[in-house]
Amino acid sequence: FAACRLFRSLAKEVGAYFQYVYPAREDENMTEYLLRVRALPPDAK
């Protein structure tokens, strides 16, 4: 999650500088996915 925070910050700055669109939806979807997987119990179905 530290890598996610840093990448998000860096990529937004780089994207803004070059006028490239940062993939905010991919970021949001994968952040939610990571949080869910971290909370899964070992016997999750």
All heavy atoms as atom14 arrays in JSON, in Angstrom:
{
  "sequence": "FAACRLFRSLAKEVGAYFQYVYPAREDENMTEYLLRVRALPPDAK",
  "atom14_mask": [
    [1, 1, 1, 1, 1, 1, 1, 1, 1, 1, 1, 0, 0, 0],
    [1, 1, 1, 1, 1, 0, 0, 0, 0, 0, 0, 0, 0, 0],
    [1, 1, 1, 1, 1, 0, 0, 0, 0, 0, 0, 0, 0, 0],
    [1, 1, 1, 1, 1, 1, 0, 0, 0, 0, 0, 0, 0, 0],
    [1, 1, 1, 1, 1, 1, 1, 1, 1, 1, 1, 0, 0, 0],
    [1, 1, 1, 1, 1, 1, 1, 1, 0, 0, 0, 0, 0, 0],
    [1, 1, 1, 1, 1, 1, 1, 1, 1, 1, 1, 0, 0, 0],
    [1, 1, 1, 1, 1, 1, 1, 1, 1, 1, 1, 0, 0, 0],
    [1, 1, 1, 1, 1, 1, 0, 0, 0, 0, 0, 0, 0, 0],
    [1, 1, 1, 1, 1, 1, 1, 1, 0, 0, 0, 0, 0, 0],
    [1, 1, 1, 1, 1, 0, 0, 0, 0, 0, 0, 0, 0, 0],
    [1, 1, 1, 1, 1, 1, 1, 1, 1, 0, 0, 0, 0, 0],
    [1, 1, 1, 1, 1, 1, 1, 1, 1, 0, 0, 0, 0, 0],
    [1, 1, 1, 1, 1, 1, 1, 0, 0, 0, 0, 0, 0, 0],
    [1, 1, 1, 1, 0, 0, 0, 0, 0, 0, 0, 0, 0, 0],
    [1, 1, 1, 1, 1, 0, 0, 0, 0, 0, 0, 0, 0, 0],
    [1, 1, 1, 1, 1, 1, 1, 1, 1, 1, 1, 1, 0, 0],
    [1, 1, 1, 1, 1, 1, 1, 1, 1, 1, 1, 0, 0, 0],
    [1, 1, 1, 1, 1, 1, 1, 1, 1, 0, 0, 0, 0, 0],
    [1, 1, 1, 1, 1, 1, 1, 1, 1, 1, 1, 1, 0, 0],
    [1, 1, 1, 1, 1, 1, 1, 0, 0, 0, 0, 0, 0, 0],
    [1, 1, 1, 1, 1, 1, 1, 1, 1, 1, 1, 1, 0, 0],
    [1, 1, 1, 1, 1, 1, 1, 0, 0, 0, 0, 0, 0, 0],
    [1, 1, 1, 1, 1, 0, 0, 0, 0, 0, 0, 0, 0, 0],
    [1, 1, 1, 1, 1, 1, 1, 1, 1, 1, 1, 0, 0, 0],
    [1, 1, 1, 1, 1, 1, 1, 1, 1, 0, 0, 0, 0, 0],
    [1, 1, 1, 1, 1, 1, 1, 1, 0, 0, 0, 0, 0, 0],
    [1, 1, 1, 1, 1, 1, 1, 1, 1, 0, 0, 0, 0, 0],
    [1, 1, 1, 1, 1, 1, 1, 1, 0, 0, 0, 0, 0, 0],
    [1, 1, 1, 1, 1, 1, 1, 1, 0, 0, 0, 0, 0, 0],
    [1, 1, 1, 1, 1, 1, 1, 0, 0, 0, 0, 0, 0, 0],
    [1, 1, 1, 1, 1, 1, 1, 1, 1, 0, 0, 0, 0, 0],
    [1, 1, 1, 1, 1, 1, 1, 1, 1, 1, 1, 1, 0, 0],
    [1, 1, 1, 1, 1, 1, 1, 1, 0, 0, 0, 0, 0, 0],
    [1, 1, 1, 1, 1, 1, 1, 1, 0, 0, 0, 0, 0, 0],
    [1, 1, 1, 1, 1, 1, 1, 1, 1, 1, 1, 0, 0, 0],
    [1, 1, 1, 1, 1, 1, 1, 0, 0, 0, 0, 0, 0, 0],
    [1, 1, 1, 1, 1, 1, 1, 1, 1, 1, 1, 0, 0, 0],
    [1, 1, 1, 1, 1, 0, 0, 0, 0, 0, 0, 0, 0, 0],
    [1, 1, 1, 1, 1, 1, 1, 1, 0, 0, 0, 0, 0, 0],
    [1, 1, 1, 1, 1, 1, 1, 0, 0, 0, 0, 0, 0, 0],
    [1, 1, 1, 1, 1, 1, 1, 0, 0, 0, 0, 0, 0, 0],
    [1, 1, 1, 1, 1, 1, 1, 1, 0, 0, 0, 0, 0, 0],
    [1, 1, 1, 1, 1, 0, 0, 0, 0, 0, 0, 0, 0, 0],
    [1, 1, 1, 1, 1, 1, 1, 1, 1, 0, 0, 0, 0, 0]
  ],
  "atom14_positions": [
    [[0.82, -1.21, 0.0], [0.0, 0.0, 0.0], [0.86, 1.26, 0.0], [0.44, 2.3, -0.54], [-0.97, -0.02, 1.18], [-2.12, -0.98, 0.97], [-2.23, -2.14, 1.71], [-3.07, -0.72, -0.01], [-3.27, -3.03, 1.49], [-4.12, -1.6, -0.23], [-4.22, -2.76, 0.52], [0.0, 0.0, 0.0], [0.0, 0.0, 0.0], [0.0, 0.0, 0.0]],
    [[2.07, 1.19, 0.56], [2.99, 2.33, 0.44], [3.37, 2.53, -1.01], [3.43, 3.67, -1.51], [4.23, 2.09, 1.29], [0.0, 0.0, 0.0], [0.0, 0.0, 0.0], [0.0, 0.0, 0.0], [0.0, 0.0, 0.0], [0.0, 0.0, 0.0], [0.0, 0.0, 0.0], [0.0, 0.0, 0.0], [0.0, 0.0, 0.0], [0.0, 0.0, 0.0]],
    [[3.62, 1.43, -1.74], [3.94, 1.52, -3.16], [2.78, 2.11, -3.94], [2.98, 2.92, -4.86], [4.31, 0.14, -3.71], [0.0, 0.0, 0.0], [0.0, 0.0, 0.0], [0.0, 0.0, 0.0], [0.0, 0.0, 0.0], [0.0, 0.0, 0.0], [0.0, 0.0, 0.0], [0.0, 0.0, 0.0], [0.0, 0.0, 0.0], [0.0, 0.0, 0.0]],
    [[1.57, 1.72, -3.58], [0.39, 2.27, -4.26], [0.29, 3.78, -4.05], [0.02, 4.53, -4.99], [-0.88, 1.6, -3.74], [-1.04, -0.15, -4.22], [0.0, 0.0, 0.0], [0.0, 0.0, 0.0], [0.0, 0.0, 0.0], [0.0, 0.0, 0.0], [0.0, 0.0, 0.0], [0.0, 0.0, 0.0], [0.0, 0.0, 0.0], [0.0, 0.0, 0.0]],
    [[0.49, 4.22, -2.83], [0.39, 5.67, -2.54], [1.45, 6.44, -3.31], [1.18, 7.5, -3.89], [0.53, 5.92, -1.03], [-0.6, 5.38, -0.19], [-0.6, 5.95, 1.22], [0.62, 5.67, 1.96], [0.83, 4.55, 2.65], [-0.07, 3.57, 2.64], [1.96, 4.38, 3.33], [0.0, 0.0, 0.0], [0.0, 0.0, 0.0], [0.0, 0.0, 0.0]],
    [[2.67, 5.9, -3.32], [3.75, 6.6, -4.0], [3.55, 6.58, -5.51], [3.71, 7.62, -6.18], [5.1, 5.95, -3.65], [6.33, 6.58, -4.3], [6.43, 8.07, -3.96], [7.6, 5.85, -3.87], [0.0, 0.0, 0.0], [0.0, 0.0, 0.0], [0.0, 0.0, 0.0], [0.0, 0.0, 0.0], [0.0, 0.0, 0.0], [0.0, 0.0, 0.0]],
    [[3.19, 5.44, -6.06], [2.98, 5.37, -7.5], [1.88, 6.32, -7.93], [2.02, 7.03, -8.94], [2.63, 3.94, -7.93], [2.54, 3.77, -9.42], [3.66, 3.44, -10.15], [1.33, 3.95, -10.09], [3.59, 3.3, -11.54], [1.26, 3.82, -11.47], [2.39, 3.48, -12.2], [0.0, 0.0, 0.0], [0.0, 0.0, 0.0], [0.0, 0.0, 0.0]],
    [[0.8, 6.34, -7.19], [-0.33, 7.23, -7.51], [0.12, 8.69, -7.57], [-0.19, 9.42, -8.5], [-1.42, 7.05, -6.46], [-2.67, 7.89, -6.67], [-3.65, 7.64, -5.55], [-4.03, 6.23, -5.48], [-3.81, 5.44, -4.42], [-3.17, 5.92, -3.35], [-4.2, 4.19, -4.44], [0.0, 0.0, 0.0], [0.0, 0.0, 0.0], [0.0, 0.0, 0.0]],
    [[0.89, 9.09, -6.57], [1.35, 10.49, -6.5], [2.29, 10.8, -7.66], [2.15, 11.83, -8.34], [2.05, 10.72, -5.16], [2.67, 11.99, -5.13], [0.0, 0.0, 0.0], [0.0, 0.0, 0.0], [0.0, 0.0, 0.0], [0.0, 0.0, 0.0], [0.0, 0.0, 0.0], [0.0, 0.0, 0.0], [0.0, 0.0, 0.0], [0.0, 0.0, 0.0]],
    [[3.25, 9.92, -7.9], [4.21, 10.14, -8.98], [3.54, 10.16, -10.34], [3.8, 11.03, -11.18], [5.28, 9.05, -8.96], [6.18, 8.96, -7.72], [7.03, 7.69, -7.78], [7.07, 10.18, -7.58], [0.0, 0.0, 0.0], [0.0, 0.0, 0.0], [0.0, 0.0, 0.0], [0.0, 0.0, 0.0], [0.0, 0.0, 0.0], [0.0, 0.0, 0.0]],
    [[2.67, 9.17, -10.56], [2.04, 9.03, -11.88], [1.1, 10.19, -12.18], [1.0, 10.63, -13.33], [1.29, 7.7, -11.96], [0.0, 0.0, 0.0], [0.0, 0.0, 0.0], [0.0, 0.0, 0.0], [0.0, 0.0, 0.0], [0.0, 0.0, 0.0], [0.0, 0.0, 0.0], [0.0, 0.0, 0.0], [0.0, 0.0, 0.0], [0.0, 0.0, 0.0]],
    [[0.41, 10.68, -11.18], [-0.46, 11.84, -11.41], [0.36, 13.07, -11.78], [-0.03, 13.85, -12.66], [-1.31, 12.12, -10.17], [-2.46, 11.12, -9.98], [-3.32, 11.49, -8.79], [-4.54, 10.58, -8.68], [-5.4, 10.94, -7.53], [0.0, 0.0, 0.0], [0.0, 0.0, 0.0], [0.0, 0.0, 0.0], [0.0, 0.0, 0.0], [0.0, 0.0, 0.0]],
    [[1.49, 13.25, -11.13], [2.33, 14.4, -11.46], [2.91, 14.27, -12.86], [2.9, 15.24, -13.64], [3.47, 14.54, -10.44], [4.37, 15.74, -10.7], [5.45, 15.91, -9.66], [5.35, 15.32, -8.57], [6.42, 16.65, -9.94], [0.0, 0.0, 0.0], [0.0, 0.0, 0.0], [0.0, 0.0, 0.0], [0.0, 0.0, 0.0], [0.0, 0.0, 0.0]],
    [[3.41, 13.09, -13.2], [3.96, 12.88, -14.54], [2.87, 13.03, -15.6], [3.07, 13.68, -16.63], [4.63, 11.49, -14.64], [5.03, 11.18, -16.07], [5.84, 11.42, -13.72], [0.0, 0.0, 0.0], [0.0, 0.0, 0.0], [0.0, 0.0, 0.0], [0.0, 0.0, 0.0], [0.0, 0.0, 0.0], [0.0, 0.0, 0.0], [0.0, 0.0, 0.0]],
    [[1.7, 12.44, -15.33], [0.61, 12.54, -16.28], [0.16, 13.97, -16.51], [-0.07, 14.39, -17.65], [0.0, 0.0, 0.0], [0.0, 0.0, 0.0], [0.0, 0.0, 0.0], [0.0, 0.0, 0.0], [0.0, 0.0, 0.0], [0.0, 0.0, 0.0], [0.0, 0.0, 0.0], [0.0, 0.0, 0.0], [0.0, 0.0, 0.0], [0.0, 0.0, 0.0]],
    [[0.06, 14.74, -15.43], [-0.37, 16.14, -15.56], [0.65, 16.94, -16.36], [0.28, 17.79, -17.18], [-0.56, 16.74, -14.17], [0.0, 0.0, 0.0], [0.0, 0.0, 0.0], [0.0, 0.0, 0.0], [0.0, 0.0, 0.0], [0.0, 0.0, 0.0], [0.0, 0.0, 0.0], [0.0, 0.0, 0.0], [0.0, 0.0, 0.0], [0.0, 0.0, 0.0]],
    [[1.93, 16.66, -16.14], [2.98, 17.4, -16.83], [2.91, 17.17, -18.34], [3.06, 18.11, -19.14], [4.33, 16.98, -16.29], [5.52, 17.69, -16.9], [5.99, 18.89, -16.38], [6.18, 17.16, -18.01], [7.08, 19.55, -16.93], [7.27, 17.8, -18.57], [7.71, 18.99, -18.03], [8.78, 19.63, -18.59], [0.0, 0.0, 0.0], [0.0, 0.0, 0.0]],
    [[2.68, 15.92, -18.74], [2.67, 15.6, -20.17], [1.26, 15.58, -20.75], [1.09, 15.26, -21.92], [3.33, 14.23, -20.39], [4.81, 14.23, -20.18], [5.37, 13.71, -19.02], [5.66, 14.78, -21.13], [6.74, 13.7, -18.83], [7.03, 14.79, -20.93], [7.57, 14.26, -19.78], [0.0, 0.0, 0.0], [0.0, 0.0, 0.0], [0.0, 0.0, 0.0]],
    [[0.28, 15.9, -19.92], [-1.13, 15.87, -20.34], [-1.56, 14.47, -20.76], [-2.29, 14.28, -21.73], [-1.39, 16.89, -21.46], [-1.14, 18.33, -21.03], [-1.5, 19.35, -22.09], [-1.35, 19.11, -23.29], [-2.0, 20.49, -21.65], [0.0, 0.0, 0.0], [0.0, 0.0, 0.0], [0.0, 0.0, 0.0], [0.0, 0.0, 0.0], [0.0, 0.0, 0.0]],
    [[-1.09, 13.48, -19.99], [-1.53, 12.11, -20.15], [-2.57, 11.83, -19.07], [-2.45, 12.3, -17.93], [-0.37, 11.12, -19.99], [0.76, 11.29, -20.97], [2.05, 10.84, -20.64], [0.58, 11.88, -22.22], [3.11, 10.98, -21.55], [1.63, 12.02, -23.11], [2.89, 11.58, -22.77], [3.93, 11.72, -23.65], [0.0, 0.0, 0.0], [0.0, 0.0, 0.0]],
    [[-3.58, 11.05, -19.41], [-4.66, 10.78, -18.46], [-4.27, 9.64, -17.52], [-3.96, 8.53, -17.97], [-5.96, 10.41, -19.21], [-7.07, 10.07, -18.21], [-6.4, 11.57, -20.11], [0.0, 0.0, 0.0], [0.0, 0.0, 0.0], [0.0, 0.0, 0.0], [0.0, 0.0, 0.0], [0.0, 0.0, 0.0], [0.0, 0.0, 0.0], [0.0, 0.0, 0.0]],
    [[-4.28, 9.93, -16.24], [-3.99, 8.89, -15.25], [-5.18, 7.96, -15.14], [-6.33, 8.4, -15.04], [-3.68, 9.51, -13.88], [-3.45, 8.49, -12.8], [-2.31, 7.7, -12.79], [-4.39, 8.28, -11.79], [-2.1, 6.74, -11.82], [-4.19, 7.34, -10.8], [-3.04, 6.56, -10.83], [-2.83, 5.61, -9.86], [0.0, 0.0, 0.0], [0.0, 0.0, 0.0]],
    [[-4.97, 6.62, -15.11], [-6.09, 5.66, -15.06], [-6.7, 5.55, -13.66], [-6.51, 4.55, -12.95], [-5.43, 4.36, -15.51], [-4.01, 4.48, -15.04], [-3.67, 5.93, -15.2], [0.0, 0.0, 0.0], [0.0, 0.0, 0.0], [0.0, 0.0, 0.0], [0.0, 0.0, 0.0], [0.0, 0.0, 0.0], [0.0, 0.0, 0.0], [0.0, 0.0, 0.0]],
    [[-7.45, 6.56, -13.29], [-8.0, 6.6, -11.93], [-8.93, 5.42, -11.65], [-8.95, 4.9, -10.53], [-8.74, 7.93, -11.72], [0.0, 0.0, 0.0], [0.0, 0.0, 0.0], [0.0, 0.0, 0.0], [0.0, 0.0, 0.0], [0.0, 0.0, 0.0], [0.0, 0.0, 0.0], [0.0, 0.0, 0.0], [0.0, 0.0, 0.0], [0.0, 0.0, 0.0]],
    [[-9.7, 4.98, -12.66], [-10.61, 3.87, -12.42], [-9.85, 2.58, -12.12], [-10.22, 1.82, -11.21], [-11.52, 3.69, -13.64], [-12.5, 2.52, -13.53], [-13.43, 2.67, -12.32], [-14.26, 3.86, -12.45], [-15.43, 3.9, -13.1], [-15.88, 2.82, -13.71], [-16.14, 5.0, -13.13], [0.0, 0.0, 0.0], [0.0, 0.0, 0.0], [0.0, 0.0, 0.0]],
    [[-8.78, 2.3, -12.86], [-7.96, 1.13, -12.57], [-7.39, 1.2, -11.16], [-7.36, 0.2, -10.44], [-6.83, 1.0, -13.59], [-7.26, 0.58, -14.98], [-6.09, 0.34, -15.9], [-4.91, 0.51, -15.47], [-6.33, -0.02, -17.07], [0.0, 0.0, 0.0], [0.0, 0.0, 0.0], [0.0, 0.0, 0.0], [0.0, 0.0, 0.0], [0.0, 0.0, 0.0]],
    [[-6.93, 2.37, -10.78], [-6.39, 2.59, -9.44], [-7.46, 2.27, -8.4], [-7.23, 1.5, -7.45], [-5.92, 4.05, -9.35], [-5.38, 4.43, -7.98], [-5.72, 3.78, -6.97], [-4.61, 5.41, -7.9], [0.0, 0.0, 0.0], [0.0, 0.0, 0.0], [0.0, 0.0, 0.0], [0.0, 0.0, 0.0], [0.0, 0.0, 0.0], [0.0, 0.0, 0.0]],
    [[-8.64, 2.84, -8.55], [-9.72, 2.64, -7.58], [-10.13, 1.17, -7.51], [-10.31, 0.61, -6.41], [-10.91, 3.5, -7.96], [-10.66, 4.99, -7.83], [-11.75, 5.82, -8.5], [-12.73, 5.21, -8.99], [-11.6, 7.05, -8.54], [0.0, 0.0, 0.0], [0.0, 0.0, 0.0], [0.0, 0.0, 0.0], [0.0, 0.0, 0.0], [0.0, 0.0, 0.0]],
    [[-10.29, 0.55, -8.66], [-10.72, -0.86, -8.68], [-9.7, -1.77, -8.02], [-10.04, -2.65, -7.23], [-10.95, -1.31, -10.13], [-12.16, -0.68, -10.76], [-13.0, -0.1, -10.08], [-12.25, -0.77, -12.08], [0.0, 0.0, 0.0], [0.0, 0.0, 0.0], [0.0, 0.0, 0.0], [0.0, 0.0, 0.0], [0.0, 0.0, 0.0], [0.0, 0.0, 0.0]],
    [[-8.42, -1.56, -8.34], [-7.4, -2.44, -7.79], [-7.14, -2.17, -6.32], [-6.83, -3.08, -5.56], [-6.11, -2.31, -8.59], [-6.18, -2.99, -9.95], [-6.69, -4.73, -9.84], [-5.4, -5.41, -8.81], [0.0, 0.0, 0.0], [0.0, 0.0, 0.0], [0.0, 0.0, 0.0], [0.0, 0.0, 0.0], [0.0, 0.0, 0.0], [0.0, 0.0, 0.0]],
    [[-7.27, -0.91, -5.89], [-7.11, -0.61, -4.47], [-8.19, -1.31, -3.66], [-7.92, -1.91, -2.61], [-7.16, 0.9, -4.23], [-6.1, 1.54, -4.95], [-7.02, 1.22, -2.75], [0.0, 0.0, 0.0], [0.0, 0.0, 0.0], [0.0, 0.0, 0.0], [0.0, 0.0, 0.0], [0.0, 0.0, 0.0], [0.0, 0.0, 0.0], [0.0, 0.0, 0.0]],
    [[-9.42, -1.28, -4.17], [-10.51, -1.99, -3.49], [-10.25, -3.49, -3.48], [-10.47, -4.18, -2.47], [-11.85, -1.7, -4.18], [-13.02, -2.41, -3.52], [-14.34, -2.17, -4.24], [-14.35, -1.4, -5.22], [-15.34, -2.77, -3.81], [0.0, 0.0, 0.0], [0.0, 0.0, 0.0], [0.0, 0.0, 0.0], [0.0, 0.0, 0.0], [0.0, 0.0, 0.0]],
    [[-9.76, -4.01, -4.6], [-9.46, -5.43, -4.69], [-8.39, -5.83, -3.67], [-8.53, -6.84, -2.96], [-8.98, -5.75, -6.11], [-8.59, -7.19, -6.33], [-9.54, -8.14, -6.69], [-7.26, -7.61, -6.21], [-9.19, -9.47, -6.92], [-6.9, -8.93, -6.43], [-7.86, -9.85, -6.78], [-7.51, -11.16, -7.0], [0.0, 0.0, 0.0], [0.0, 0.0, 0.0]],
    [[-7.34, -5.04, -3.57], [-6.27, -5.34, -2.62], [-6.77, -5.33, -1.19], [-6.41, -6.19, -0.38], [-5.13, -4.34, -2.8], [-4.37, -4.38, -4.13], [-3.41, -3.2, -4.24], [-3.62, -5.69, -4.3], [0.0, 0.0, 0.0], [0.0, 0.0, 0.0], [0.0, 0.0, 0.0], [0.0, 0.0, 0.0], [0.0, 0.0, 0.0], [0.0, 0.0, 0.0]],
    [[-7.59, -4.35, -0.86], [-8.14, -4.27, 0.49], [-9.0, -5.48, 0.81], [-8.95, -6.03, 1.92], [-8.95, -2.98, 0.64], [-8.14, -1.68, 0.68], [-9.06, -0.47, 0.52], [-7.34, -1.57, 1.97], [0.0, 0.0, 0.0], [0.0, 0.0, 0.0], [0.0, 0.0, 0.0], [0.0, 0.0, 0.0], [0.0, 0.0, 0.0], [0.0, 0.0, 0.0]],
    [[-9.79, -5.92, -0.17], [-10.66, -7.08, 0.04], [-9.83, -8.35, 0.23], [-10.1, -9.16, 1.12], [-11.63, -7.25, -1.12], [-12.8, -6.28, -1.08], [-13.75, -6.53, -2.24], [-14.94, -5.71, -2.12], [-16.06, -6.09, -1.5], [-16.12, -7.29, -0.94], [-17.11, -5.3, -1.44], [0.0, 0.0, 0.0], [0.0, 0.0, 0.0], [0.0, 0.0, 0.0]],
    [[-8.82, -8.52, -0.6], [-8.0, -9.74, -0.48], [-7.24, -9.75, 0.84], [-7.12, -10.79, 1.48], [-7.02, -9.84, -1.67], [-6.07, -11.01, -1.49], [-7.78, -10.0, -2.98], [0.0, 0.0, 0.0], [0.0, 0.0, 0.0], [0.0, 0.0, 0.0], [0.0, 0.0, 0.0], [0.0, 0.0, 0.0], [0.0, 0.0, 0.0], [0.0, 0.0, 0.0]],
    [[-6.77, -8.59, 1.26], [-6.06, -8.56, 2.53], [-6.97, -8.98, 3.68], [-6.51, -9.64, 4.63], [-5.51, -7.15, 2.8], [-4.69, -7.1, 4.08], [-4.13, -5.72, 4.37], [-3.19, -5.78, 5.48], [-2.56, -4.73, 5.99], [-2.77, -3.52, 5.47], [-1.71, -4.87, 6.99], [0.0, 0.0, 0.0], [0.0, 0.0, 0.0], [0.0, 0.0, 0.0]],
    [[-8.25, -8.64, 3.59], [-9.19, -8.95, 4.68], [-9.77, -10.35, 4.59], [-10.48, -10.79, 5.51], [-10.33, -7.92, 4.67], [0.0, 0.0, 0.0], [0.0, 0.0, 0.0], [0.0, 0.0, 0.0], [0.0, 0.0, 0.0], [0.0, 0.0, 0.0], [0.0, 0.0, 0.0], [0.0, 0.0, 0.0], [0.0, 0.0, 0.0], [0.0, 0.0, 0.0]],
    [[-9.51, -11.08, 3.52], [-10.09, -12.41, 3.36], [-9.55, -13.38, 4.4], [-8.34, -13.42, 4.66], [-9.75, -12.98, 1.97], [-10.52, -12.45, 0.77], [-9.94, -13.05, -0.51], [-12.0, -12.75, 0.89], [0.0, 0.0, 0.0], [0.0, 0.0, 0.0], [0.0, 0.0, 0.0], [0.0, 0.0, 0.0], [0.0, 0.0, 0.0], [0.0, 0.0, 0.0]],
    [[-10.41, -14.19, 4.99], [-9.92, -15.24, 5.89], [-9.26, -16.35, 5.09], [-9.51, -16.51, 3.89], [-11.21, -15.74, 6.56], [-12.3, -15.41, 5.6], [-11.89, -14.15, 4.92], [0.0, 0.0, 0.0], [0.0, 0.0, 0.0], [0.0, 0.0, 0.0], [0.0, 0.0, 0.0], [0.0, 0.0, 0.0], [0.0, 0.0, 0.0], [0.0, 0.0, 0.0]],
    [[-8.42, -17.16, 5.72], [-7.69, -18.21, 5.0], [-8.59, -19.23, 4.33], [-8.18, -19.86, 3.36], [-6.83, -18.85, 6.09], [-6.74, -17.83, 7.17], [-8.02, -17.07, 7.13], [0.0, 0.0, 0.0], [0.0, 0.0, 0.0], [0.0, 0.0, 0.0], [0.0, 0.0, 0.0], [0.0, 0.0, 0.0], [0.0, 0.0, 0.0], [0.0, 0.0, 0.0]],
    [[-9.8, -19.42, 4.84], [-10.69, -20.43, 4.27], [-11.77, -19.81, 3.39], [-12.81, -20.42, 3.13], [-11.36, -21.23, 5.4], [-12.15, -20.34, 6.36], [-12.02, -19.09, 6.26], [-12.88, -20.87, 7.21], [0.0, 0.0, 0.0], [0.0, 0.0, 0.0], [0.0, 0.0, 0.0], [0.0, 0.0, 0.0], [0.0, 0.0, 0.0], [0.0, 0.0, 0.0]],
    [[-11.54, -18.61, 2.91], [-12.55, -17.92, 2.09], [-12.89, -18.74, 0.85], [-12.02, -19.36, 0.24], [-12.03, -16.54, 1.69], [0.0, 0.0, 0.0], [0.0, 0.0, 0.0], [0.0, 0.0, 0.0], [0.0, 0.0, 0.0], [0.0, 0.0, 0.0], [0.0, 0.0, 0.0], [0.0, 0.0, 0.0], [0.0, 0.0, 0.0], [0.0, 0.0, 0.0]],
    [[-14.16, -18.75, 0.47], [-14.64, -19.44, -0.74], [-14.93, -18.48, -1.88], [-15.1, -18.9, -3.02], [-15.91, -20.25, -0.42], [-15.75, -21.25, 0.71], [-14.62, -22.25, 0.42], [-14.47, -23.25, 1.57], [-13.34, -24.18, 1.34], [0.0, 0.0, 0.0], [0.0, 0.0, 0.0], [0.0, 0.0, 0.0], [0.0, 0.0, 0.0], [0.0, 0.0, 0.0]]
  ]
}
